[in-house]
Amino acid sequence: MTDWDIEQRLDRIEAKVDNLLSFVRLLARMELLMARELDDVWAAVERTDTVTAGMSVLLTQLSQVIRDNAGDPVALRAIAARLSTQADTGAAAILANTPVVEPPVEPPVEPPADTTGGV
């Protein structure tokens, strides 16, 4: 094997290593993006948990108000009207504050092409 052959093989090996390093850098960037997206998901889950807890308290209080006024049809109609208004307001707020976001479509990640000739 001549020095030229060895140099050619070393060049191909170096090119493969460069390809691998590029791929590892790409994976690191993707991992960072995924971590950020996961943080956003966790924040949304926490907001949902807070809203759910608030709704549970509201429903518990509402059931007690209804029980307290079970014998008063006028009071029950007033409670029903107030509840309807609050439900409409809550639904409008949810729609107004829920962004419609299409998930990004990213092409599949493929490893760098082997440009070294198979060494």
C-alpha atoms as a PDB file:
ATOM      1  CA  MET A   1       0.000   0.000   0.000  1.00  0.00           C
ATOM      2  CA  THR A   2       1.443   3.313  -1.045  1.00  0.00           C
ATOM      3  CA  ASP A   3       1.476   6.556   0.896  1.00  0.00           C
ATOM      4  CA  TRP A   4      -1.054   7.911  -1.565  1.00  0.00           C
ATOM      5  CA  ASP A   5      -3.441   4.981  -0.817  1.00  0.00           C
ATOM      6  CA  ILE A   6      -3.055   5.545   2.907  1.00  0.00           C
ATOM      7  CA  GLU A   7      -3.692   9.262   2.485  1.00  0.00           C
ATOM      8  CA  GLN A   8      -6.835   8.536   0.444  1.00  0.00           C
ATOM      9  CA  ARG A   9      -8.148   6.155   3.093  1.00  0.00           C
ATOM     10  CA  LEU A  10      -7.426   8.665   5.843  1.00  0.00           C
ATOM     11  CA  ASP A  11      -9.270  11.350   3.858  1.00  0.00           C
ATOM     12  CA  ARG A  12     -12.301   9.054   3.555  1.00  0.00           C
ATOM     13  CA  ILE A  13     -12.188   8.231   7.259  1.00  0.00           C
ATOM     14  CA  GLU A  14     -11.950  11.935   8.082  1.00  0.00           C
ATOM     15  CA  ALA A  15     -14.955  12.642   5.848  1.00  0.00           C
ATOM     16  CA  LYS A  16     -16.951   9.931   7.626  1.00  0.00           C
ATOM     17  CA  VAL A  17     -16.030  11.375  11.010  1.00  0.00           C
ATOM     18  CA  ASP A  18     -17.079  14.831   9.787  1.00  0.00           C
ATOM     19  CA  ASN A  19     -20.421  13.380   8.643  1.00  0.00           C
ATOM     20  CA  LEU A  20     -20.922  11.735  12.025  1.00  0.00           C
ATOM     21  CA  LEU A  21     -20.107  14.981  13.839  1.00  0.00           C
ATOM     22  CA  SER A  22     -22.607  16.848  11.672  1.00  0.00           C
ATOM     23  CA  PHE A  23     -25.253  14.272  12.453  1.00  0.00           C
ATOM     24  CA  VAL A  24     -24.529  14.429  16.193  1.00  0.00           C
ATOM     25  CA  ARG A  25     -24.822  18.245  16.095  1.00  0.00           C
ATOM     26  CA  LEU A  26     -28.153  17.918  14.291  1.00  0.00           C
ATOM     27  CA  LEU A  27     -29.388  15.466  16.920  1.00  0.00           C
ATOM     28  CA  ALA A  28     -28.292  17.839  19.694  1.00  0.00           C
ATOM     29  CA  ARG A  29     -30.255  20.715  18.104  1.00  0.00           C
ATOM     30  CA  MET A  30     -33.299  18.478  17.720  1.00  0.00           C
ATOM     31  CA  GLU A  31     -33.025  17.398  21.360  1.00  0.00           C
ATOM     32  CA  LEU A  32     -32.922  21.046  22.460  1.00  0.00           C
ATOM     33  CA  LEU A  33     -36.015  21.860  20.392  1.00  0.00           C
ATOM     34  CA  MET A  34     -37.856  18.856  21.773  1.00  0.00           C
ATOM     35  CA  ALA A  35     -36.931  19.842  25.333  1.00  0.00           C
ATOM     36  CA  ARG A  36     -38.340  23.325  24.755  1.00  0.00           C
ATOM     37  CA  GLU A  37     -41.533  21.888  23.298  1.00  0.00           C
ATOM     38  CA  LEU A  38     -41.827  19.526  26.257  1.00  0.00           C
ATOM     39  CA  ASP A  39     -41.473  22.489  28.632  1.00  0.00           C
ATOM     40  CA  ASP A  40     -44.351  24.179  26.794  1.00  0.00           C
ATOM     41  CA  VAL A  41     -46.460  21.033  27.110  1.00  0.00           C
ATOM     42  CA  TRP A  42     -45.784  20.810  30.850  1.00  0.00           C
ATOM     43  CA  ALA A  43     -46.734  24.471  31.274  1.00  0.00           C
ATOM     44  CA  ALA A  44     -50.014  23.796  29.465  1.00  0.00           C
ATOM     45  CA  VAL A  45     -50.664  20.764  31.679  1.00  0.00           C
ATOM     46  CA  GLU A  46     -50.093  22.875  34.792  1.00  0.00           C
ATOM     47  CA  ARG A  47     -52.506  25.538  33.518  1.00  0.00           C
ATOM     48  CA  THR A  48     -55.064  22.840  32.784  1.00  0.00           C
ATOM     49  CA  ASP A  49     -54.626  21.358  36.262  1.00  0.00           C
ATOM     50  CA  THR A  50     -55.250  24.795  37.776  1.00  0.00           C
ATOM     51  CA  VAL A  51     -58.376  25.320  35.693  1.00  0.00           C
ATOM     52  CA  THR A  52     -59.632  21.827  36.490  1.00  0.00           C
ATOM     53  CA  ALA A  53     -59.148  22.388  40.219  1.00  0.00           C
ATOM     54  CA  GLY A  54     -61.018  25.696  39.955  1.00  0.00           C
ATOM     55  CA  MET A  55     -63.864  24.034  38.080  1.00  0.00           C
ATOM     56  CA  SER A  56     -64.105  21.347  40.741  1.00  0.00           C
ATOM     57  CA  VAL A  57     -64.442  23.969  43.487  1.00  0.00           C
ATOM     58  CA  LEU A  58     -67.020  25.877  41.432  1.00  0.00           C
ATOM     59  CA  LEU A  59     -69.125  22.769  40.803  1.00  0.00           C
ATOM     60  CA  THR A  60     -68.993  21.783  44.470  1.00  0.00           C
ATOM     61  CA  GLN A  61     -70.162  25.247  45.486  1.00  0.00           C
ATOM     62  CA  LEU A  62     -72.848  25.236  42.809  1.00  0.00           C
ATOM     63  CA  SER A  63     -74.245  21.908  43.966  1.00  0.00           C
ATOM     64  CA  GLN A  64     -74.444  23.278  47.505  1.00  0.00           C
ATOM     65  CA  VAL A  65     -76.245  26.443  46.324  1.00  0.00           C
ATOM     66  CA  ILE A  66     -78.762  24.292  44.444  1.00  0.00           C
ATOM     67  CA  ARG A  67     -79.348  22.084  47.502  1.00  0.00           C
ATOM     68  CA  ASP A  68     -79.734  25.182  49.689  1.00  0.00           C
ATOM     69  CA  ASN A  69     -82.400  26.563  47.316  1.00  0.00           C
ATOM     70  CA  ALA A  70     -84.132  23.318  46.321  1.00  0.00           C
ATOM     71  CA  GLY A  71     -87.471  24.459  47.719  1.00  0.00           C
ATOM     72  CA  ASP A  72     -87.436  27.871  46.023  1.00  0.00           C
ATOM     73  CA  PRO A  73     -88.284  27.684  42.283  1.00  0.00           C
ATOM     74  CA  VAL A  74     -87.665  31.411  41.758  1.00  0.00           C
ATOM     75  CA  ALA A  75     -84.187  31.154  43.281  1.00  0.00           C
ATOM     76  CA  LEU A  76     -83.435  28.038  41.209  1.00  0.00           C
ATOM     77  CA  ARG A  77     -84.417  29.842  37.991  1.00  0.00           C
ATOM     78  CA  ALA A  78     -82.159  32.770  38.964  1.00  0.00           C
ATOM     79  CA  ILE A  79     -79.298  30.364  39.697  1.00  0.00           C
ATOM     80  CA  ALA A  80     -79.875  28.613  36.350  1.00  0.00           C
ATOM     81  CA  ALA A  81     -79.843  31.949  34.486  1.00  0.00           C
ATOM     82  CA  ARG A  82     -76.655  33.035  36.242  1.00  0.00           C
ATOM     83  CA  LEU A  83     -75.022  29.675  35.541  1.00  0.00           C
ATOM     84  CA  SER A  84     -75.976  29.890  31.864  1.00  0.00           C
ATOM     85  CA  THR A  85     -74.438  33.351  31.599  1.00  0.00           C
ATOM     86  CA  GLN A  86     -71.267  32.209  33.345  1.00  0.00           C
ATOM     87  CA  ALA A  87     -71.040  29.136  31.098  1.00  0.00           C
ATOM     88  CA  ASP A  88     -71.364  31.297  27.986  1.00  0.00           C
ATOM     89  CA  THR A  89     -68.734  33.706  29.301  1.00  0.00           C
ATOM     90  CA  GLY A  90     -66.399  30.828  30.181  1.00  0.00           C
ATOM     91  CA  ALA A  91     -66.851  29.171  26.783  1.00  0.00           C
ATOM     92  CA  ALA A  92     -66.154  32.457  24.996  1.00  0.00           C
ATOM     93  CA  ALA A  93     -63.018  32.994  27.100  1.00  0.00           C
ATOM     94  CA  ILE A  94     -61.770  29.497  26.334  1.00  0.00           C
ATOM     95  CA  LEU A  95     -62.307  29.988  22.608  1.00  0.00           C
ATOM     96  CA  ALA A  96     -60.715  33.435  22.670  1.00  0.00           C
ATOM     97  CA  ASN A  97     -57.647  32.227  24.562  1.00  0.00           C
ATOM     98  CA  THR A  98     -57.049  28.922  22.819  1.00  0.00           C
ATOM     99  CA  PRO A  99     -54.773  29.468  19.865  1.00  0.00           C
ATOM    100  CA  VAL A 100     -55.214  27.227  16.890  1.00  0.00           C
ATOM    101  CA  VAL A 101     -51.706  26.062  16.190  1.00  0.00           C
ATOM    102  CA  GLU A 102     -50.895  23.640  13.453  1.00  0.00           C
ATOM    103  CA  PRO A 103     -48.005  21.405  14.458  1.00  0.00           C
ATOM    104  CA  PRO A 104     -44.924  21.994  12.359  1.00  0.00           C
ATOM    105  CA  VAL A 105     -44.280  19.429   9.709  1.00  0.00           C
ATOM    106  CA  GLU A 106     -40.641  18.551   9.700  1.00  0.00           C
ATOM    107  CA  PRO A 107     -38.984  16.291   7.189  1.00  0.00           C
ATOM    108  CA  PRO A 108     -37.636  13.030   8.567  1.00  0.00           C
ATOM    109  CA  VAL A 109     -34.066  13.185   9.757  1.00  0.00           C
ATOM    110  CA  GLU A 110     -31.693  11.129   7.715  1.00  0.00           C
ATOM    111  CA  PRO A 111     -28.049  10.523   8.490  1.00  0.00           C
ATOM    112  CA  PRO A 112     -25.563  12.315   6.235  1.00  0.00           C
ATOM    113  CA  ALA A 113     -24.820  10.559   2.992  1.00  0.00           C
ATOM    114  CA  ASP A 114     -21.641   8.504   2.790  1.00  0.00           C
ATOM    115  CA  THR A 115     -19.421  10.474   0.455  1.00  0.00           C
ATOM    116  CA  THR A 116     -16.238   8.590   1.227  1.00  0.00           C
ATOM    117  CA  GLY A 117     -16.511   5.688  -1.154  1.00  0.00           C
ATOM    118  CA  GLY A 118     -17.193   2.950   1.411  1.00  0.00           C
ATOM    119  CA  VAL A 119     -14.068   2.863   3.578  1.00  0.00           C
END
